[in-house]
Amino acid sequence: MSKKDKNKEVEEPQVEDTTTATAEAEEQSTEEQLQEQLAAEKDKFMRLFAEFENYKRRTNKERLELFKTASEGVMLAMLPVLDDFERALTHIEEDKEAEELRKGVLLIYNKLLNTLEQKGLSKIEVNQGDTFNADDHEAVTQIPAPSDDLKGKIIDVVEHGYKLGDKVIRFPKVVIGQ
């Protein structure tokens, strides 16, 4: 055997080792690619699942809000009727001869008010002398205050305010002192 033959023998196994190493590298890269694809798909699935959970939570919340305020239109339509009852009671109290009429109107007013309160309507309490807050009250007009301690305070309540659950559906209309 000559030196060339020995070199050929030595070279041939090296070539086989290189091809085996290349094949293993390709296998590893294929395996790594599959692992990366799997991780990407898992991440995509988790994001989609989280998005769906957020969607379910949001729609349930919107549904509950809708049920709570579904009767808002009816309540808004009934508020002028309540105001008319209050005005009628105020005028009937001045007439001493209409005591029986006052009792009947008061009975109907209380029944209507109780029914609406059972459906979630509540009156916003505002009294004369309370401090005016533009976030909570609607100022109809300003008049000169009868005394210095009533400046910037509520002098009169023109219309009562109402809430449906936690939502204000009509702010109280007030007259404030200047």
C-alpha atoms as a PDB file:
ATOM      1  CA  MET A   1       0.000   0.000   0.000  1.00  0.00           C
ATOM      2  CA  SER A   2       1.284   3.266  -0.892  1.00  0.00           C
ATOM      3  CA  LYS A   3       0.832   6.477   0.942  1.00  0.00           C
ATOM      4  CA  LYS A   4      -1.851   7.556  -1.482  1.00  0.00           C
ATOM      5  CA  ASP A   5      -3.875   4.443  -0.789  1.00  0.00           C
ATOM      6  CA  LYS A   6      -3.599   5.051   2.938  1.00  0.00           C
ATOM      7  CA  ASN A   7      -4.712   8.659   2.517  1.00  0.00           C
ATOM      8  CA  LYS A   8      -7.699   7.505   0.477  1.00  0.00           C
ATOM      9  CA  GLU A   9      -8.687   5.089   3.175  1.00  0.00           C
ATOM     10  CA  VAL A  10      -8.383   7.789   5.758  1.00  0.00           C
ATOM     11  CA  GLU A  11     -10.260  10.295   3.649  1.00  0.00           C
ATOM     12  CA  GLU A  12     -13.154   8.011   2.916  1.00  0.00           C
ATOM     13  CA  PRO A  13     -14.233   7.580   6.550  1.00  0.00           C
ATOM     14  CA  GLN A  14     -14.000  11.332   7.054  1.00  0.00           C
ATOM     15  CA  VAL A  15     -16.362  11.881   4.163  1.00  0.00           C
ATOM     16  CA  GLU A  16     -18.796   9.425   5.707  1.00  0.00           C
ATOM     17  CA  ASP A  17     -18.548  11.209   9.072  1.00  0.00           C
ATOM     18  CA  THR A  18     -19.278  14.557   7.432  1.00  0.00           C
ATOM     19  CA  THR A  19     -22.338  13.236   5.645  1.00  0.00           C
ATOM     20  CA  THR A  20     -23.554  11.610   8.858  1.00  0.00           C
ATOM     21  CA  ALA A  21     -22.986  14.859  10.770  1.00  0.00           C
ATOM     22  CA  THR A  22     -24.827  16.813   8.063  1.00  0.00           C
ATOM     23  CA  ALA A  23     -27.732  14.374   8.181  1.00  0.00           C
ATOM     24  CA  GLU A  24     -27.854  14.646  11.997  1.00  0.00           C
ATOM     25  CA  ALA A  25     -27.693  18.441  11.758  1.00  0.00           C
ATOM     26  CA  GLU A  26     -30.588  18.377   9.281  1.00  0.00           C
ATOM     27  CA  GLU A  27     -32.501  16.042  11.592  1.00  0.00           C
ATOM     28  CA  GLN A  28     -31.861  18.320  14.550  1.00  0.00           C
ATOM     29  CA  SER A  29     -32.815  21.375  12.596  1.00  0.00           C
ATOM     30  CA  THR A  30     -35.999  19.651  11.453  1.00  0.00           C
ATOM     31  CA  GLU A  31     -36.708  18.628  15.029  1.00  0.00           C
ATOM     32  CA  GLU A  32     -35.928  22.132  16.249  1.00  0.00           C
ATOM     33  CA  GLN A  33     -38.162  23.569  13.549  1.00  0.00           C
ATOM     34  CA  LEU A  34     -40.977  21.300  14.642  1.00  0.00           C
ATOM     35  CA  GLN A  35     -40.407  22.314  18.286  1.00  0.00           C
ATOM     36  CA  GLU A  36     -40.529  26.002  17.298  1.00  0.00           C
ATOM     37  CA  GLN A  37     -43.691  25.442  15.272  1.00  0.00           C
ATOM     38  CA  LEU A  38     -45.244  23.592  18.191  1.00  0.00           C
ATOM     39  CA  ALA A  39     -44.341  26.417  20.579  1.00  0.00           C
ATOM     40  CA  ALA A  40     -45.749  28.991  18.145  1.00  0.00           C
ATOM     41  CA  GLU A  41     -48.994  27.035  17.792  1.00  0.00           C
ATOM     42  CA  LYS A  42     -49.287  26.646  21.570  1.00  0.00           C
ATOM     43  CA  ASP A  43     -48.782  30.390  22.001  1.00  0.00           C
ATOM     44  CA  LYS A  44     -51.368  31.114  19.311  1.00  0.00           C
ATOM     45  CA  PHE A  45     -53.831  28.736  20.975  1.00  0.00           C
ATOM     46  CA  MET A  46     -53.307  30.286  24.430  1.00  0.00           C
ATOM     47  CA  ARG A  47     -53.838  33.803  23.064  1.00  0.00           C
ATOM     48  CA  LEU A  48     -56.987  32.719  21.245  1.00  0.00           C
ATOM     49  CA  PHE A  49     -58.278  30.985  24.360  1.00  0.00           C
ATOM     50  CA  ALA A  50     -57.596  34.083  26.507  1.00  0.00           C
ATOM     51  CA  GLU A  51     -59.302  36.291  23.944  1.00  0.00           C
ATOM     52  CA  PHE A  52     -62.355  34.022  23.952  1.00  0.00           C
ATOM     53  CA  GLU A  53     -62.507  34.072  27.770  1.00  0.00           C
ATOM     54  CA  ASN A  54     -62.365  37.891  27.723  1.00  0.00           C
ATOM     55  CA  TYR A  55     -65.143  37.921  25.129  1.00  0.00           C
ATOM     56  CA  LYS A  56     -67.334  35.660  27.277  1.00  0.00           C
ATOM     57  CA  ARG A  57     -66.726  37.799  30.367  1.00  0.00           C
ATOM     58  CA  ARG A  58     -67.463  41.034  28.488  1.00  0.00           C
ATOM     59  CA  THR A  59     -70.698  39.735  26.910  1.00  0.00           C
ATOM     60  CA  ASN A  60     -71.926  38.412  30.260  1.00  0.00           C
ATOM     61  CA  LYS A  61     -71.260  41.793  31.847  1.00  0.00           C
ATOM     62  CA  GLU A  62     -73.046  43.611  28.999  1.00  0.00           C
ATOM     63  CA  ARG A  63     -75.979  41.229  29.327  1.00  0.00           C
ATOM     64  CA  LEU A  64     -76.318  41.900  33.046  1.00  0.00           C
ATOM     65  CA  GLU A  65     -76.146  45.654  32.408  1.00  0.00           C
ATOM     66  CA  LEU A  66     -78.837  45.311  29.768  1.00  0.00           C
ATOM     67  CA  PHE A  67     -81.143  43.430  32.135  1.00  0.00           C
ATOM     68  CA  LYS A  68     -80.593  46.031  34.857  1.00  0.00           C
ATOM     69  CA  THR A  69     -81.400  48.968  32.601  1.00  0.00           C
ATOM     70  CA  ALA A  70     -83.813  47.341  30.150  1.00  0.00           C
ATOM     71  CA  SER A  71     -86.731  49.168  31.700  1.00  0.00           C
ATOM     72  CA  GLU A  72     -85.015  52.560  31.470  1.00  0.00           C
ATOM     73  CA  GLY A  73     -87.240  53.739  28.615  1.00  0.00           C
ATOM     74  CA  VAL A  74     -90.402  52.818  30.488  1.00  0.00           C
ATOM     75  CA  MET A  75     -89.127  54.492  33.655  1.00  0.00           C
ATOM     76  CA  LEU A  76     -88.271  57.684  31.765  1.00  0.00           C
ATOM     77  CA  ALA A  77     -91.780  57.703  30.295  1.00  0.00           C
ATOM     78  CA  MET A  78     -93.323  57.278  33.768  1.00  0.00           C
ATOM     79  CA  LEU A  79     -91.366  60.112  35.443  1.00  0.00           C
ATOM     80  CA  PRO A  80     -93.638  62.896  34.090  1.00  0.00           C
ATOM     81  CA  VAL A  81     -96.617  60.970  35.491  1.00  0.00           C
ATOM     82  CA  LEU A  82     -94.949  60.919  38.921  1.00  0.00           C
ATOM     83  CA  ASP A  83     -94.287  64.659  38.622  1.00  0.00           C
ATOM     84  CA  ASP A  84     -97.937  65.277  37.761  1.00  0.00           C
ATOM     85  CA  PHE A  85     -99.039  63.269  40.795  1.00  0.00           C
ATOM     86  CA  GLU A  86     -96.743  65.326  43.029  1.00  0.00           C
ATOM     87  CA  ARG A  87     -98.109  68.595  41.616  1.00  0.00           C
ATOM     88  CA  ALA A  88    -101.693  67.349  42.032  1.00  0.00           C
ATOM     89  CA  LEU A  89    -101.020  66.399  45.650  1.00  0.00           C
ATOM     90  CA  THR A  90     -99.506  69.832  46.329  1.00  0.00           C
ATOM     91  CA  HIS A  91    -102.572  71.610  44.934  1.00  0.00           C
ATOM     92  CA  ILE A  92    -105.081  69.287  46.568  1.00  0.00           C
ATOM     93  CA  GLU A  93    -103.490  69.891  49.987  1.00  0.00           C
ATOM     94  CA  GLU A  94    -104.356  73.578  49.643  1.00  0.00           C
ATOM     95  CA  ASP A  95    -108.038  72.756  49.072  1.00  0.00           C
ATOM     96  CA  LYS A  96    -109.576  71.680  52.369  1.00  0.00           C
ATOM     97  CA  GLU A  97    -112.853  70.508  50.780  1.00  0.00           C
ATOM     98  CA  ALA A  98    -111.156  67.823  48.637  1.00  0.00           C
ATOM     99  CA  GLU A  99    -109.875  65.637  51.490  1.00  0.00           C
ATOM    100  CA  GLU A 100    -111.344  62.433  50.061  1.00  0.00           C
ATOM    101  CA  LEU A 101    -109.939  63.241  46.623  1.00  0.00           C
ATOM    102  CA  ARG A 102    -106.505  63.843  48.174  1.00  0.00           C
ATOM    103  CA  LYS A 103    -106.628  60.448  49.899  1.00  0.00           C
ATOM    104  CA  GLY A 104    -107.480  58.682  46.630  1.00  0.00           C
ATOM    105  CA  VAL A 105    -104.790  60.476  44.634  1.00  0.00           C
ATOM    106  CA  LEU A 106    -102.234  59.810  47.413  1.00  0.00           C
ATOM    107  CA  LEU A 107    -103.167  56.120  47.412  1.00  0.00           C
ATOM    108  CA  ILE A 108    -102.664  55.826  43.623  1.00  0.00           C
ATOM    109  CA  TYR A 109     -99.418  57.837  43.786  1.00  0.00           C
ATOM    110  CA  ASN A 110     -97.982  55.623  46.535  1.00  0.00           C
ATOM    111  CA  LYS A 111     -98.973  52.466  44.673  1.00  0.00           C
ATOM    112  CA  LEU A 112     -97.308  53.691  41.458  1.00  0.00           C
ATOM    113  CA  LEU A 113     -94.200  54.808  43.343  1.00  0.00           C
ATOM    114  CA  ASN A 114     -93.911  51.482  45.188  1.00  0.00           C
ATOM    115  CA  THR A 115     -94.283  49.524  41.940  1.00  0.00           C
ATOM    116  CA  LEU A 116     -91.557  51.556  40.259  1.00  0.00           C
ATOM    117  CA  GLU A 117     -89.300  51.225  43.308  1.00  0.00           C
ATOM    118  CA  GLN A 118     -89.694  47.438  43.147  1.00  0.00           C
ATOM    119  CA  LYS A 119     -88.400  47.618  39.567  1.00  0.00           C
ATOM    120  CA  GLY A 120     -85.252  49.473  40.720  1.00  0.00           C
ATOM    121  CA  LEU A 121     -86.248  53.145  40.590  1.00  0.00           C
ATOM    122  CA  SER A 122     -85.137  55.295  43.514  1.00  0.00           C
ATOM    123  CA  LYS A 123     -85.511  58.998  44.218  1.00  0.00           C
ATOM    124  CA  ILE A 124     -82.377  61.104  44.637  1.00  0.00           C
ATOM    125  CA  GLU A 125     -82.755  62.964  47.910  1.00  0.00           C
ATOM    126  CA  VAL A 126     -82.136  66.701  47.555  1.00  0.00           C
ATOM    127  CA  ASN A 127     -83.169  69.180  50.233  1.00  0.00           C
ATOM    128  CA  GLN A 128     -83.244  72.932  50.440  1.00  0.00           C
ATOM    129  CA  GLY A 129     -79.988  74.231  51.846  1.00  0.00           C
ATOM    130  CA  ASP A 130     -77.826  71.432  50.402  1.00  0.00           C
ATOM    131  CA  THR A 131     -74.654  72.512  48.642  1.00  0.00           C
ATOM    132  CA  PHE A 132     -75.010  72.698  44.863  1.00  0.00           C
ATOM    133  CA  ASN A 133     -72.818  70.257  42.934  1.00  0.00           C
ATOM    134  CA  ALA A 134     -72.861  70.503  39.133  1.00  0.00           C
ATOM    135  CA  ASP A 135     -72.040  66.776  38.852  1.00  0.00           C
ATOM    136  CA  ASP A 136     -75.109  65.755  40.870  1.00  0.00           C
ATOM    137  CA  HIS A 137     -77.650  68.514  40.157  1.00  0.00           C
ATOM    138  CA  GLU A 138     -78.997  70.408  37.178  1.00  0.00           C
ATOM    139  CA  ALA A 139     -79.364  74.139  37.846  1.00  0.00           C
ATOM    140  CA  VAL A 140     -82.496  75.545  36.245  1.00  0.00           C
ATOM    141  CA  THR A 141     -81.937  79.109  37.377  1.00  0.00           C
ATOM    142  CA  GLN A 142     -80.189  81.289  39.922  1.00  0.00           C
ATOM    143  CA  ILE A 143     -81.968  83.767  42.140  1.00  0.00           C
ATOM    144  CA  PRO A 144     -80.630  86.202  44.733  1.00  0.00           C
ATOM    145  CA  ALA A 145     -80.138  84.275  47.975  1.00  0.00           C
ATOM    146  CA  PRO A 146     -82.547  85.263  50.775  1.00  0.00           C
ATOM    147  CA  SER A 147     -79.634  85.115  53.224  1.00  0.00           C
ATOM    148  CA  ASP A 148     -75.852  84.957  53.009  1.00  0.00           C
ATOM    149  CA  ASP A 149     -75.695  81.369  54.248  1.00  0.00           C
ATOM    150  CA  LEU A 150     -77.753  80.181  51.206  1.00  0.00           C
ATOM    151  CA  LYS A 151     -75.318  81.520  48.566  1.00  0.00           C
ATOM    152  CA  GLY A 152     -74.235  78.649  46.316  1.00  0.00           C
ATOM    153  CA  LYS A 153     -76.784  76.369  47.967  1.00  0.00           C
ATOM    154  CA  ILE A 154     -80.048  74.882  46.765  1.00  0.00           C
ATOM    155  CA  ILE A 155     -83.029  77.168  47.329  1.00  0.00           C
ATOM    156  CA  ASP A 156     -85.765  75.087  45.703  1.00  0.00           C
ATOM    157  CA  VAL A 157     -86.183  71.701  43.990  1.00  0.00           C
ATOM    158  CA  VAL A 158     -88.161  72.055  40.732  1.00  0.00           C
ATOM    159  CA  GLU A 159     -88.075  68.344  39.725  1.00  0.00           C
ATOM    160  CA  HIS A 160     -86.804  65.413  41.704  1.00  0.00           C
ATOM    161  CA  GLY A 161     -84.027  63.266  40.284  1.00  0.00           C
ATOM    162  CA  TYR A 162     -84.223  59.501  39.912  1.00  0.00           C
ATOM    163  CA  LYS A 163     -81.810  56.586  39.662  1.00  0.00           C
ATOM    164  CA  LEU A 164     -82.397  53.207  38.079  1.00  0.00           C
ATOM    165  CA  GLY A 165     -80.111  50.880  39.988  1.00  0.00           C
ATOM    166  CA  ASP A 166     -76.818  52.766  40.136  1.00  0.00           C
ATOM    167  CA  LYS A 167     -77.420  54.806  36.978  1.00  0.00           C
ATOM    168  CA  VAL A 168     -78.880  58.309  37.190  1.00  0.00           C
ATOM    169  CA  ILE A 169     -81.679  58.548  34.635  1.00  0.00           C
ATOM    170  CA  ARG A 170     -82.733  62.094  35.560  1.00  0.00           C
ATOM    171  CA  PHE A 171     -80.767  64.636  37.539  1.00  0.00           C
ATOM    172  CA  PRO A 172     -82.644  66.778  40.072  1.00  0.00           C
ATOM    173  CA  LYS A 173     -83.519  70.213  38.674  1.00  0.00           C
ATOM    174  CA  VAL A 174     -82.848  72.875  41.292  1.00  0.00           C
ATOM    175  CA  VAL A 175     -82.820  76.610  41.838  1.00  0.00           C
ATOM    176  CA  ILE A 176     -79.655  77.909  43.487  1.00  0.00           C
ATOM    177  CA  GLY A 177     -78.912  81.054  45.451  1.00  0.00           C
ATOM    178  CA  GLN A 178     -76.575  83.651  44.032  1.00  0.00           C
END
